[in-house]
Amino acid sequence: MEIRWYGHACFGITGEAGEVIVTDPYDESIGYQMPDLRADVVTVSHEHYDHNNVAAVKGNPEVVRGPGEHIASGIRFLGVNTYHDTSRGAERGENTVFLFDVDDIRLCHLGDLGHVLEEPQVKSIRERDIDVLFIPVGGVYTIDASGATEVLNQLEPRIAIPMHYKTPPLRLNINKVDSFLRGKERVMREKKLSLRKADLPPPGEKEIVVLDWRH
């Protein structure tokens, strides 16, 4: 599997069989330039312009939205209902966390999660151990560094990839990744992440992988 970050909450995930999943494609008005992406499946965590620009992705992909179980391009997606704020959606609405497997690796994309998880949500999300967690850390519109650290401890992934934080091109006023990384062990920086099941850290050991938005 290969994972590339295109900025904000948008990732491209390519399996060994060539299947491509794109998460939360954004409108370029936020400052990033959307690359020329083609996918089999696009996931949309919520209907805000910086997460739902499905039209930017070529290949006539199937689009997965909302909670519940979905099958798209032969892949099972489980959507878990959460919120975009700490007021059960009263400020910014609902948010869907997506879980899916590629190459027998369990991935979890938290979208714009705005709160520490409630116990029933943790139970649903951890129906199986999480191998790779895409987690927002920039605060303001999502959990911040402190909240992200708490969610990390709730979900205990083997690899965590921070997202939704301030970078030079981003026009949104959110925090940089530095606060989240402070005090963390086993932090790696990569242009992209190439991963096989056998490469995963042992259970109980967390790695933080910071990906580069520049390609």
N, C-alpha and C. Protein backbone atom coordinates (compact mmCIF):
# COMPACT_ATOMS: atom_id res chain seq x y z
N MET A 1 0.84 -1.19 0.00
CA MET A 1 0.00 0.00 0.00
C MET A 1 0.88 1.25 0.00
N GLU A 2 0.39 2.25 -0.71
CA GLU A 2 1.09 3.54 -0.71
C GLU A 2 0.10 4.62 -0.27
N ILE A 3 0.55 5.47 0.66
CA ILE A 3 -0.29 6.56 1.16
C ILE A 3 0.41 7.88 0.86
N ARG A 4 -0.30 8.77 0.20
CA ARG A 4 0.20 10.12 -0.07
C ARG A 4 -0.76 11.13 0.53
N TRP A 5 -0.19 12.20 1.06
CA TRP A 5 -1.00 13.30 1.61
C TRP A 5 -0.99 14.45 0.62
N TYR A 6 -2.17 14.96 0.31
CA TYR A 6 -2.29 16.09 -0.62
C TYR A 6 -2.66 17.37 0.09
N GLY A 7 -2.55 17.38 1.40
CA GLY A 7 -2.88 18.55 2.20
C GLY A 7 -4.25 18.44 2.82
N HIS A 8 -4.41 19.12 3.96
CA HIS A 8 -5.66 19.18 4.71
C HIS A 8 -6.06 17.76 5.16
N ALA A 9 -7.23 17.26 4.77
CA ALA A 9 -7.64 15.90 5.16
C ALA A 9 -7.69 14.97 3.96
N CYS A 10 -7.02 15.36 2.88
CA CYS A 10 -7.07 14.62 1.62
C CYS A 10 -5.85 13.71 1.46
N PHE A 11 -6.12 12.43 1.35
CA PHE A 11 -5.08 11.43 1.13
C PHE A 11 -5.44 10.59 -0.09
N GLY A 12 -4.41 10.06 -0.73
CA GLY A 12 -4.59 9.06 -1.76
C GLY A 12 -4.00 7.75 -1.25
N ILE A 13 -4.80 6.70 -1.25
CA ILE A 13 -4.38 5.40 -0.74
C ILE A 13 -4.48 4.40 -1.89
N THR A 14 -3.35 3.80 -2.25
CA THR A 14 -3.31 2.88 -3.37
C THR A 14 -2.92 1.50 -2.89
N GLY A 15 -3.78 0.50 -3.15
CA GLY A 15 -3.50 -0.86 -2.73
C GLY A 15 -2.64 -1.60 -3.74
N GLU A 16 -2.17 -2.77 -3.35
CA GLU A 16 -1.29 -3.56 -4.21
C GLU A 16 -1.98 -3.96 -5.51
N ALA A 17 -3.30 -4.12 -5.48
CA ALA A 17 -4.04 -4.50 -6.69
C ALA A 17 -4.35 -3.29 -7.58
N GLY A 18 -3.93 -2.10 -7.14
CA GLY A 18 -4.14 -0.90 -7.94
C GLY A 18 -5.36 -0.09 -7.59
N GLU A 19 -6.16 -0.55 -6.62
CA GLU A 19 -7.34 0.22 -6.22
C GLU A 19 -6.91 1.51 -5.53
N VAL A 20 -7.65 2.59 -5.80
CA VAL A 20 -7.30 3.91 -5.25
C VAL A 20 -8.49 4.49 -4.49
N ILE A 21 -8.22 4.91 -3.27
CA ILE A 21 -9.22 5.59 -2.44
C ILE A 21 -8.70 6.99 -2.14
N VAL A 22 -9.54 7.99 -2.35
CA VAL A 22 -9.20 9.38 -2.01
C VAL A 22 -10.15 9.83 -0.91
N THR A 23 -9.59 10.48 0.11
CA THR A 23 -10.40 10.96 1.23
C THR A 23 -10.54 12.48 1.18
N ASP A 24 -11.72 12.97 1.46
CA ASP A 24 -12.00 14.39 1.70
C ASP A 24 -11.30 15.36 0.74
N PRO A 25 -11.57 15.27 -0.57
CA PRO A 25 -10.97 16.23 -1.50
C PRO A 25 -11.49 17.65 -1.24
N TYR A 26 -10.61 18.63 -1.38
CA TYR A 26 -10.92 20.01 -0.98
C TYR A 26 -11.08 20.92 -2.19
N ASP A 27 -11.69 22.07 -1.94
CA ASP A 27 -11.74 23.16 -2.91
C ASP A 27 -10.42 23.92 -2.82
N GLU A 28 -9.86 24.28 -3.97
CA GLU A 28 -8.54 24.92 -3.98
C GLU A 28 -8.52 26.30 -3.35
N SER A 29 -9.69 26.86 -3.04
CA SER A 29 -9.71 28.18 -2.40
C SER A 29 -9.06 28.16 -1.02
N ILE A 30 -8.84 26.97 -0.44
CA ILE A 30 -8.18 26.93 0.87
C ILE A 30 -6.68 27.13 0.76
N GLY A 31 -6.13 27.07 -0.46
CA GLY A 31 -4.72 27.38 -0.64
C GLY A 31 -3.89 26.27 -1.26
N TYR A 32 -4.26 25.03 -1.04
CA TYR A 32 -3.57 23.92 -1.69
C TYR A 32 -4.03 23.80 -3.14
N GLN A 33 -3.15 23.27 -3.99
CA GLN A 33 -3.53 22.97 -5.37
C GLN A 33 -3.84 21.48 -5.47
N MET A 34 -5.06 21.16 -5.82
CA MET A 34 -5.46 19.76 -5.93
C MET A 34 -4.73 19.10 -7.10
N PRO A 35 -4.00 18.01 -6.85
CA PRO A 35 -3.32 17.34 -7.95
C PRO A 35 -4.32 16.64 -8.88
N ASP A 36 -3.82 16.14 -9.98
CA ASP A 36 -4.65 15.43 -10.94
C ASP A 36 -4.89 14.02 -10.39
N LEU A 37 -6.01 13.83 -9.70
CA LEU A 37 -6.28 12.57 -9.02
C LEU A 37 -7.35 11.77 -9.76
N ARG A 38 -7.13 10.46 -9.78
CA ARG A 38 -8.10 9.51 -10.32
C ARG A 38 -8.31 8.44 -9.24
N ALA A 39 -9.56 8.07 -8.98
CA ALA A 39 -9.81 7.13 -7.89
C ALA A 39 -10.96 6.19 -8.22
N ASP A 40 -11.00 5.08 -7.49
CA ASP A 40 -12.13 4.16 -7.55
C ASP A 40 -13.20 4.55 -6.54
N VAL A 41 -12.75 5.07 -5.38
CA VAL A 41 -13.67 5.45 -4.31
C VAL A 41 -13.22 6.78 -3.71
N VAL A 42 -14.18 7.64 -3.39
CA VAL A 42 -13.92 8.87 -2.64
C VAL A 42 -14.77 8.84 -1.37
N THR A 43 -14.15 9.12 -0.23
CA THR A 43 -14.92 9.24 1.01
C THR A 43 -15.06 10.72 1.37
N VAL A 44 -16.23 11.07 1.89
CA VAL A 44 -16.53 12.45 2.29
C VAL A 44 -17.02 12.42 3.74
N SER A 45 -16.25 13.01 4.64
CA SER A 45 -16.60 12.95 6.06
C SER A 45 -17.74 13.89 6.43
N HIS A 46 -17.87 15.00 5.69
CA HIS A 46 -18.95 15.95 5.94
C HIS A 46 -19.02 16.93 4.77
N GLU A 47 -20.12 17.67 4.70
CA GLU A 47 -20.38 18.48 3.51
C GLU A 47 -19.92 19.92 3.66
N HIS A 48 -18.63 20.11 3.92
CA HIS A 48 -18.02 21.43 3.88
C HIS A 48 -17.09 21.49 2.67
N TYR A 49 -16.94 22.69 2.10
CA TYR A 49 -16.25 22.84 0.82
C TYR A 49 -14.80 22.37 0.84
N ASP A 50 -14.19 22.36 2.03
CA ASP A 50 -12.80 21.93 2.11
C ASP A 50 -12.67 20.42 2.32
N HIS A 51 -13.79 19.69 2.16
CA HIS A 51 -13.77 18.23 2.34
C HIS A 51 -14.62 17.47 1.32
N ASN A 52 -15.39 18.16 0.49
CA ASN A 52 -16.36 17.43 -0.36
C ASN A 52 -16.27 17.76 -1.84
N ASN A 53 -15.09 18.15 -2.31
CA ASN A 53 -14.95 18.51 -3.72
C ASN A 53 -14.77 17.26 -4.59
N VAL A 54 -15.78 16.44 -4.62
CA VAL A 54 -15.74 15.16 -5.34
C VAL A 54 -15.49 15.38 -6.82
N ALA A 55 -15.97 16.47 -7.37
CA ALA A 55 -15.82 16.74 -8.80
C ALA A 55 -14.36 16.88 -9.22
N ALA A 56 -13.47 17.13 -8.27
CA ALA A 56 -12.05 17.30 -8.59
C ALA A 56 -11.35 15.96 -8.83
N VAL A 57 -12.02 14.86 -8.52
CA VAL A 57 -11.40 13.53 -8.65
C VAL A 57 -11.94 12.84 -9.89
N LYS A 58 -11.05 12.43 -10.77
CA LYS A 58 -11.44 11.80 -12.04
C LYS A 58 -11.64 10.29 -11.87
N GLY A 59 -12.14 9.68 -12.92
CA GLY A 59 -12.31 8.23 -12.93
C GLY A 59 -13.69 7.76 -12.55
N ASN A 60 -14.64 8.69 -12.43
CA ASN A 60 -16.01 8.33 -12.06
C ASN A 60 -16.06 7.47 -10.79
N PRO A 61 -15.44 7.94 -9.71
CA PRO A 61 -15.36 7.13 -8.49
C PRO A 61 -16.72 6.97 -7.81
N GLU A 62 -16.86 5.87 -7.08
CA GLU A 62 -18.01 5.73 -6.18
C GLU A 62 -17.75 6.63 -4.97
N VAL A 63 -18.81 7.27 -4.48
CA VAL A 63 -18.66 8.21 -3.37
C VAL A 63 -19.34 7.63 -2.13
N VAL A 64 -18.60 7.62 -1.03
CA VAL A 64 -19.09 7.08 0.23
C VAL A 64 -19.32 8.23 1.20
N ARG A 65 -20.55 8.33 1.69
CA ARG A 65 -20.92 9.40 2.62
C ARG A 65 -21.75 8.80 3.75
N GLY A 66 -21.60 9.36 4.94
CA GLY A 66 -22.53 9.08 6.02
C GLY A 66 -22.25 7.80 6.80
N PRO A 67 -22.92 7.69 7.97
CA PRO A 67 -22.72 6.53 8.82
C PRO A 67 -23.33 5.26 8.24
N GLY A 68 -22.91 4.13 8.81
CA GLY A 68 -23.42 2.84 8.38
C GLY A 68 -22.41 2.08 7.54
N GLU A 69 -22.83 0.92 7.06
CA GLU A 69 -21.96 0.08 6.25
C GLU A 69 -22.18 0.35 4.77
N HIS A 70 -21.09 0.51 4.04
CA HIS A 70 -21.14 0.77 2.60
C HIS A 70 -20.19 -0.21 1.90
N ILE A 71 -20.55 -0.65 0.72
CA ILE A 71 -19.65 -1.42 -0.13
C ILE A 71 -19.43 -0.60 -1.39
N ALA A 72 -18.17 -0.26 -1.66
CA ALA A 72 -17.84 0.52 -2.85
C ALA A 72 -16.59 -0.07 -3.49
N SER A 73 -16.68 -0.36 -4.76
CA SER A 73 -15.58 -0.97 -5.50
C SER A 73 -15.09 -2.25 -4.80
N GLY A 74 -16.03 -2.97 -4.19
CA GLY A 74 -15.70 -4.22 -3.52
C GLY A 74 -15.08 -4.08 -2.15
N ILE A 75 -14.98 -2.85 -1.66
CA ILE A 75 -14.36 -2.58 -0.36
C ILE A 75 -15.45 -2.21 0.64
N ARG A 76 -15.36 -2.77 1.84
CA ARG A 76 -16.33 -2.45 2.89
C ARG A 76 -15.86 -1.21 3.65
N PHE A 77 -16.75 -0.24 3.75
CA PHE A 77 -16.50 0.97 4.53
C PHE A 77 -17.51 1.02 5.68
N LEU A 78 -17.04 1.28 6.87
CA LEU A 78 -17.93 1.48 8.01
C LEU A 78 -17.86 2.94 8.43
N GLY A 79 -18.99 3.63 8.40
CA GLY A 79 -19.06 5.02 8.83
C GLY A 79 -19.63 5.12 10.23
N VAL A 80 -18.92 5.83 11.11
CA VAL A 80 -19.35 6.01 12.50
C VAL A 80 -19.69 7.48 12.71
N ASN A 81 -20.87 7.75 13.21
CA ASN A 81 -21.32 9.12 13.40
C ASN A 81 -20.61 9.79 14.58
N THR A 82 -20.04 10.98 14.32
CA THR A 82 -19.41 11.80 15.35
C THR A 82 -19.82 13.25 15.06
N TYR A 83 -19.12 14.20 15.70
CA TYR A 83 -19.49 15.61 15.55
C TYR A 83 -18.27 16.46 15.21
N HIS A 84 -18.58 17.60 14.59
CA HIS A 84 -17.57 18.54 14.11
C HIS A 84 -17.22 19.57 15.19
N ASP A 85 -17.75 19.39 16.39
CA ASP A 85 -17.56 20.37 17.47
C ASP A 85 -17.75 19.65 18.80
N THR A 86 -17.73 20.41 19.88
CA THR A 86 -17.93 19.84 21.22
C THR A 86 -19.37 19.99 21.69
N SER A 87 -20.27 20.40 20.78
CA SER A 87 -21.67 20.65 21.14
C SER A 87 -22.62 19.69 20.43
N ARG A 88 -22.15 18.46 20.18
CA ARG A 88 -22.95 17.44 19.51
C ARG A 88 -23.53 17.93 18.19
N GLY A 89 -22.71 18.70 17.47
CA GLY A 89 -23.06 19.16 16.13
C GLY A 89 -23.81 20.46 16.05
N ALA A 90 -24.11 21.09 17.19
CA ALA A 90 -24.90 22.33 17.19
C ALA A 90 -24.17 23.48 16.49
N GLU A 91 -22.83 23.48 16.51
CA GLU A 91 -22.06 24.57 15.90
C GLU A 91 -21.69 24.29 14.45
N ARG A 92 -21.17 23.09 14.17
CA ARG A 92 -20.65 22.81 12.84
C ARG A 92 -21.20 21.52 12.22
N GLY A 93 -22.14 20.88 12.87
CA GLY A 93 -22.77 19.72 12.25
C GLY A 93 -22.11 18.39 12.60
N GLU A 94 -22.54 17.38 11.87
CA GLU A 94 -22.06 16.02 12.12
C GLU A 94 -20.84 15.71 11.27
N ASN A 95 -20.14 14.65 11.64
CA ASN A 95 -18.92 14.23 10.97
C ASN A 95 -18.91 12.70 10.97
N THR A 96 -18.47 12.12 9.87
CA THR A 96 -18.40 10.66 9.79
C THR A 96 -16.96 10.19 9.81
N VAL A 97 -16.67 9.30 10.73
CA VAL A 97 -15.38 8.60 10.78
C VAL A 97 -15.50 7.36 9.89
N PHE A 98 -14.53 7.15 9.01
CA PHE A 98 -14.58 5.99 8.12
C PHE A 98 -13.48 4.98 8.45
N LEU A 99 -13.88 3.70 8.48
CA LEU A 99 -12.96 2.58 8.64
C LEU A 99 -13.04 1.70 7.41
N PHE A 100 -11.87 1.25 6.93
CA PHE A 100 -11.84 0.36 5.77
C PHE A 100 -10.50 -0.36 5.74
N ASP A 101 -10.45 -1.44 4.98
CA ASP A 101 -9.25 -2.26 4.89
C ASP A 101 -8.69 -2.23 3.48
N VAL A 102 -7.38 -2.07 3.40
CA VAL A 102 -6.66 -2.18 2.13
C VAL A 102 -5.45 -3.06 2.40
N ASP A 103 -5.28 -4.10 1.60
CA ASP A 103 -4.15 -5.04 1.77
C ASP A 103 -4.09 -5.60 3.19
N ASP A 104 -5.26 -5.89 3.75
CA ASP A 104 -5.37 -6.45 5.10
C ASP A 104 -4.84 -5.50 6.18
N ILE A 105 -4.81 -4.22 5.88
CA ILE A 105 -4.42 -3.19 6.84
C ILE A 105 -5.64 -2.35 7.14
N ARG A 106 -5.97 -2.20 8.41
CA ARG A 106 -7.16 -1.44 8.83
C ARG A 106 -6.81 0.04 8.94
N LEU A 107 -7.54 0.86 8.16
CA LEU A 107 -7.34 2.31 8.17
C LEU A 107 -8.55 2.99 8.78
N CYS A 108 -8.30 4.12 9.43
CA CYS A 108 -9.37 4.91 10.05
C CYS A 108 -9.11 6.38 9.78
N HIS A 109 -10.06 7.03 9.10
CA HIS A 109 -9.96 8.45 8.79
C HIS A 109 -10.98 9.18 9.64
N LEU A 110 -10.50 10.09 10.51
CA LEU A 110 -11.37 10.74 11.48
C LEU A 110 -12.09 11.96 10.93
N GLY A 111 -11.80 12.37 9.68
CA GLY A 111 -12.47 13.56 9.15
C GLY A 111 -12.21 14.77 10.03
N ASP A 112 -13.22 15.61 10.19
CA ASP A 112 -13.09 16.81 11.04
C ASP A 112 -13.65 16.54 12.43
N LEU A 113 -13.14 15.53 13.07
CA LEU A 113 -13.58 15.21 14.43
C LEU A 113 -13.34 16.40 15.35
N GLY A 114 -14.38 16.80 16.08
CA GLY A 114 -14.28 18.01 16.91
C GLY A 114 -14.31 17.76 18.39
N HIS A 115 -14.23 16.50 18.82
CA HIS A 115 -14.38 16.20 20.25
C HIS A 115 -13.67 14.90 20.58
N VAL A 116 -13.36 14.74 21.86
CA VAL A 116 -12.86 13.45 22.34
C VAL A 116 -14.01 12.45 22.23
N LEU A 117 -13.69 11.24 21.85
CA LEU A 117 -14.72 10.24 21.54
C LEU A 117 -15.47 9.76 22.79
N GLU A 118 -16.76 9.48 22.59
CA GLU A 118 -17.55 8.87 23.64
C GLU A 118 -17.35 7.35 23.59
N GLU A 119 -17.61 6.69 24.69
CA GLU A 119 -17.32 5.25 24.80
C GLU A 119 -18.00 4.42 23.71
N PRO A 120 -19.28 4.64 23.38
CA PRO A 120 -19.89 3.85 22.29
C PRO A 120 -19.19 4.07 20.95
N GLN A 121 -18.71 5.29 20.71
CA GLN A 121 -17.99 5.58 19.47
C GLN A 121 -16.66 4.83 19.44
N VAL A 122 -15.96 4.83 20.57
CA VAL A 122 -14.69 4.10 20.65
C VAL A 122 -14.93 2.62 20.36
N LYS A 123 -15.98 2.07 20.93
CA LYS A 123 -16.28 0.64 20.73
C LYS A 123 -16.57 0.34 19.27
N SER A 124 -17.32 1.21 18.60
CA SER A 124 -17.63 1.01 17.18
C SER A 124 -16.38 1.14 16.31
N ILE A 125 -15.57 2.15 16.61
CA ILE A 125 -14.38 2.39 15.79
C ILE A 125 -13.34 1.29 16.00
N ARG A 126 -13.30 0.76 17.21
CA ARG A 126 -12.31 -0.28 17.51
C ARG A 126 -12.92 -1.68 17.37
N GLU A 127 -13.82 -1.85 16.40
CA GLU A 127 -14.36 -3.20 16.15
C GLU A 127 -13.23 -4.15 15.80
N ARG A 128 -12.18 -3.60 15.21
CA ARG A 128 -10.91 -4.30 15.01
C ARG A 128 -9.80 -3.32 15.33
N ASP A 129 -8.62 -3.85 15.65
CA ASP A 129 -7.49 -2.97 15.95
C ASP A 129 -7.17 -2.10 14.75
N ILE A 130 -6.87 -0.84 15.00
CA ILE A 130 -6.57 0.12 13.94
C ILE A 130 -5.07 0.09 13.65
N ASP A 131 -4.75 -0.08 12.38
CA ASP A 131 -3.34 -0.07 11.97
C ASP A 131 -2.87 1.35 11.65
N VAL A 132 -3.65 2.08 10.85
CA VAL A 132 -3.28 3.44 10.44
C VAL A 132 -4.43 4.38 10.74
N LEU A 133 -4.13 5.44 11.49
CA LEU A 133 -5.13 6.44 11.88
C LEU A 133 -4.77 7.79 11.28
N PHE A 134 -5.70 8.38 10.53
CA PHE A 134 -5.55 9.74 10.01
C PHE A 134 -6.27 10.66 10.99
N ILE A 135 -5.52 11.55 11.66
CA ILE A 135 -6.08 12.28 12.79
C ILE A 135 -5.87 13.79 12.67
N PRO A 136 -6.94 14.60 12.79
CA PRO A 136 -6.78 16.06 12.74
C PRO A 136 -6.14 16.56 14.04
N VAL A 137 -5.26 17.55 13.90
CA VAL A 137 -4.53 18.03 15.09
C VAL A 137 -4.50 19.55 15.19
N GLY A 138 -5.03 20.28 14.21
CA GLY A 138 -4.84 21.73 14.12
C GLY A 138 -5.76 22.58 14.96
N GLY A 139 -6.77 21.98 15.59
CA GLY A 139 -7.66 22.76 16.44
C GLY A 139 -8.53 23.73 15.66
N VAL A 140 -9.19 24.63 16.36
CA VAL A 140 -10.12 25.65 15.86
C VAL A 140 -11.40 24.99 15.33
N TYR A 141 -11.29 24.22 14.24
CA TYR A 141 -12.44 23.54 13.66
C TYR A 141 -12.51 22.06 14.05
N THR A 142 -11.43 21.56 14.63
CA THR A 142 -11.33 20.14 14.99
C THR A 142 -10.68 20.04 16.37
N ILE A 143 -10.44 18.81 16.81
CA ILE A 143 -9.63 18.61 18.01
C ILE A 143 -8.26 19.24 17.80
N ASP A 144 -7.69 19.74 18.91
CA ASP A 144 -6.36 20.33 18.86
C ASP A 144 -5.33 19.30 19.30
N ALA A 145 -4.10 19.74 19.56
CA ALA A 145 -3.02 18.81 19.91
C ALA A 145 -3.36 17.99 21.14
N SER A 146 -3.92 18.63 22.15
CA SER A 146 -4.28 17.93 23.38
C SER A 146 -5.40 16.92 23.14
N GLY A 147 -6.44 17.35 22.43
CA GLY A 147 -7.55 16.45 22.13
C GLY A 147 -7.11 15.30 21.25
N ALA A 148 -6.23 15.58 20.28
CA ALA A 148 -5.75 14.54 19.39
C ALA A 148 -4.93 13.50 20.16
N THR A 149 -4.15 13.96 21.12
CA THR A 149 -3.38 13.02 21.94
C THR A 149 -4.30 12.12 22.74
N GLU A 150 -5.39 12.69 23.25
CA GLU A 150 -6.36 11.89 24.00
C GLU A 150 -7.05 10.87 23.10
N VAL A 151 -7.43 11.29 21.90
CA VAL A 151 -8.07 10.37 20.96
C VAL A 151 -7.08 9.27 20.54
N LEU A 152 -5.83 9.64 20.37
CA LEU A 152 -4.79 8.67 20.04
C LEU A 152 -4.73 7.58 21.11
N ASN A 153 -4.81 7.99 22.36
CA ASN A 153 -4.78 7.02 23.46
C ASN A 153 -6.06 6.20 23.53
N GLN A 154 -7.18 6.78 23.09
CA GLN A 154 -8.43 6.03 23.06
C GLN A 154 -8.41 4.93 22.00
N LEU A 155 -7.81 5.23 20.84
CA LEU A 155 -7.88 4.32 19.69
C LEU A 155 -6.66 3.43 19.53
N GLU A 156 -5.51 3.85 20.06
CA GLU A 156 -4.29 3.04 20.07
C GLU A 156 -3.93 2.44 18.71
N PRO A 157 -3.78 3.28 17.69
CA PRO A 157 -3.35 2.76 16.39
C PRO A 157 -1.86 2.40 16.43
N ARG A 158 -1.44 1.62 15.46
CA ARG A 158 -0.01 1.34 15.35
C ARG A 158 0.72 2.52 14.69
N ILE A 159 0.06 3.14 13.72
CA ILE A 159 0.63 4.31 13.04
C ILE A 159 -0.41 5.42 13.04
N ALA A 160 0.01 6.63 13.40
CA ALA A 160 -0.87 7.80 13.33
C ALA A 160 -0.29 8.80 12.36
N ILE A 161 -1.12 9.29 11.45
CA ILE A 161 -0.71 10.30 10.47
C ILE A 161 -1.50 11.57 10.75
N PRO A 162 -0.83 12.63 11.25
CA PRO A 162 -1.55 13.89 11.51
C PRO A 162 -1.99 14.57 10.23
N MET A 163 -3.11 15.30 10.32
CA MET A 163 -3.67 16.02 9.17
C MET A 163 -4.41 17.25 9.69
N HIS A 164 -4.90 18.05 8.75
CA HIS A 164 -5.73 19.21 9.09
C HIS A 164 -4.99 20.15 10.05
N TYR A 165 -3.80 20.58 9.60
CA TYR A 165 -3.02 21.54 10.38
C TYR A 165 -2.40 22.57 9.43
N LYS A 166 -1.88 23.63 10.00
CA LYS A 166 -1.37 24.76 9.23
C LYS A 166 -0.08 24.40 8.51
N THR A 167 -0.04 24.70 7.21
CA THR A 167 1.17 24.61 6.40
C THR A 167 1.27 25.92 5.61
N PRO A 168 2.42 26.19 4.97
CA PRO A 168 2.56 27.48 4.27
C PRO A 168 1.45 27.82 3.28
N PRO A 169 0.96 26.88 2.45
CA PRO A 169 -0.07 27.30 1.49
C PRO A 169 -1.47 27.44 2.07
N LEU A 170 -1.73 26.83 3.22
CA LEU A 170 -3.10 26.79 3.74
C LEU A 170 -3.55 28.17 4.24
N ARG A 171 -4.72 28.60 3.78
CA ARG A 171 -5.24 29.93 4.14
C ARG A 171 -6.09 29.91 5.41
N LEU A 172 -6.39 28.74 5.93
CA LEU A 172 -7.19 28.65 7.15
C LEU A 172 -6.30 28.90 8.38
N ASN A 173 -6.84 29.59 9.35
CA ASN A 173 -6.07 29.95 10.53
C ASN A 173 -6.20 28.87 11.60
N ILE A 174 -5.43 27.80 11.42
CA ILE A 174 -5.39 26.72 12.41
C ILE A 174 -3.94 26.52 12.85
N ASN A 175 -3.72 25.63 13.80
CA ASN A 175 -2.40 25.46 14.39
C ASN A 175 -1.51 24.54 13.57
N LYS A 176 -0.20 24.71 13.73
CA LYS A 176 0.77 23.84 13.08
C LYS A 176 0.81 22.49 13.77
N VAL A 177 1.53 21.55 13.19
CA VAL A 177 1.62 20.20 13.72
C VAL A 177 2.53 20.11 14.94
N ASP A 178 3.38 21.13 15.15
CA ASP A 178 4.43 21.06 16.17
C ASP A 178 3.92 20.74 17.56
N SER A 179 2.80 21.37 17.96
CA SER A 179 2.28 21.15 19.31
C SER A 179 1.90 19.69 19.52
N PHE A 180 1.33 19.08 18.50
CA PHE A 180 0.95 17.67 18.61
C PHE A 180 2.18 16.77 18.73
N LEU A 181 3.24 17.12 18.03
CA LEU A 181 4.44 16.27 18.02
C LEU A 181 5.26 16.39 19.30
N ARG A 182 5.07 17.48 20.03
CA ARG A 182 5.89 17.73 21.21
C ARG A 182 5.73 16.60 22.23
N GLY A 183 6.85 16.01 22.60
CA GLY A 183 6.84 14.94 23.60
C GLY A 183 6.55 13.56 23.04
N LYS A 184 6.24 13.48 21.75
CA LYS A 184 5.94 12.18 21.15
C LYS A 184 7.24 11.46 20.79
N GLU A 185 7.27 10.17 21.00
CA GLU A 185 8.40 9.35 20.59
C GLU A 185 8.11 8.75 19.22
N ARG A 186 9.15 8.27 18.57
CA ARG A 186 9.00 7.56 17.29
C ARG A 186 8.24 8.39 16.26
N VAL A 187 8.78 9.58 15.97
CA VAL A 187 8.21 10.45 14.94
C VAL A 187 9.07 10.34 13.69
N MET A 188 8.44 10.05 12.56
CA MET A 188 9.15 9.96 11.29
C MET A 188 8.54 10.95 10.30
N ARG A 189 9.36 11.45 9.41
CA ARG A 189 8.89 12.34 8.35
C ARG A 189 9.17 11.68 7.00
N GLU A 190 8.13 11.58 6.18
CA GLU A 190 8.25 10.89 4.90
C GLU A 190 7.55 11.68 3.80
N LYS A 191 8.02 11.52 2.56
CA LYS A 191 7.31 12.10 1.41
C LYS A 191 6.01 11.33 1.16
N LYS A 192 6.09 10.02 1.30
CA LYS A 192 4.93 9.14 1.17
C LYS A 192 5.19 7.94 2.07
N LEU A 193 4.15 7.19 2.36
CA LEU A 193 4.30 6.01 3.21
C LEU A 193 3.98 4.77 2.40
N SER A 194 4.99 3.92 2.22
CA SER A 194 4.79 2.62 1.59
C SER A 194 4.75 1.58 2.70
N LEU A 195 3.72 0.75 2.70
CA LEU A 195 3.45 -0.06 3.87
C LEU A 195 2.93 -1.44 3.49
N ARG A 196 3.45 -2.46 4.16
CA ARG A 196 2.90 -3.81 4.09
C ARG A 196 2.51 -4.22 5.50
N LYS A 197 1.65 -5.20 5.61
CA LYS A 197 1.21 -5.68 6.92
C LYS A 197 2.41 -6.03 7.80
N ALA A 198 3.41 -6.66 7.20
CA ALA A 198 4.59 -7.09 7.96
C ALA A 198 5.42 -5.92 8.47
N ASP A 199 5.22 -4.73 7.88
CA ASP A 199 6.02 -3.56 8.27
C ASP A 199 5.45 -2.85 9.49
N LEU A 200 4.24 -3.19 9.91
CA LEU A 200 3.60 -2.46 11.00
C LEU A 200 4.36 -2.64 12.31
N PRO A 201 4.40 -1.59 13.15
CA PRO A 201 5.03 -1.74 14.45
C PRO A 201 4.30 -2.79 15.29
N PRO A 202 4.97 -3.37 16.27
CA PRO A 202 4.30 -4.35 17.14
C PRO A 202 3.14 -3.71 17.89
N PRO A 203 2.15 -4.51 18.30
CA PRO A 203 1.04 -3.97 19.09
C PRO A 203 1.56 -3.25 20.33
N GLY A 204 0.94 -2.11 20.63
CA GLY A 204 1.35 -1.33 21.80
C GLY A 204 2.40 -0.29 21.50
N GLU A 205 3.00 -0.34 20.32
CA GLU A 205 4.00 0.66 19.93
C GLU A 205 3.40 1.57 18.87
N LYS A 206 3.38 2.87 19.15
CA LYS A 206 2.80 3.84 18.21
C LYS A 206 3.91 4.55 17.45
N GLU A 207 3.73 4.69 16.16
CA GLU A 207 4.60 5.54 15.35
C GLU A 207 3.78 6.71 14.82
N ILE A 208 4.37 7.89 14.83
CA ILE A 208 3.76 9.06 14.20
C ILE A 208 4.49 9.29 12.88
N VAL A 209 3.75 9.33 11.80
CA VAL A 209 4.35 9.57 10.48
C VAL A 209 3.80 10.89 9.94
N VAL A 210 4.69 11.86 9.79
CA VAL A 210 4.32 13.17 9.25
C VAL A 210 4.63 13.16 7.75
N LEU A 211 3.60 13.27 6.95
CA LEU A 211 3.79 13.24 5.50
C LEU A 211 3.92 14.65 4.93
N ASP A 212 4.60 14.75 3.80
CA ASP A 212 4.82 16.03 3.13
C ASP A 212 3.69 16.27 2.13
N TRP A 213 3.12 17.45 2.16
CA TRP A 213 2.05 17.79 1.20
C TRP A 213 2.61 18.10 -0.18
N ARG A 214 3.91 18.31 -0.28
CA ARG A 214 4.52 18.68 -1.57
C ARG A 214 4.89 17.42 -2.35
N HIS A 215 4.48 17.36 -3.61
CA HIS A 215 4.79 16.19 -4.44
C HIS A 215 5.28 16.64 -5.80
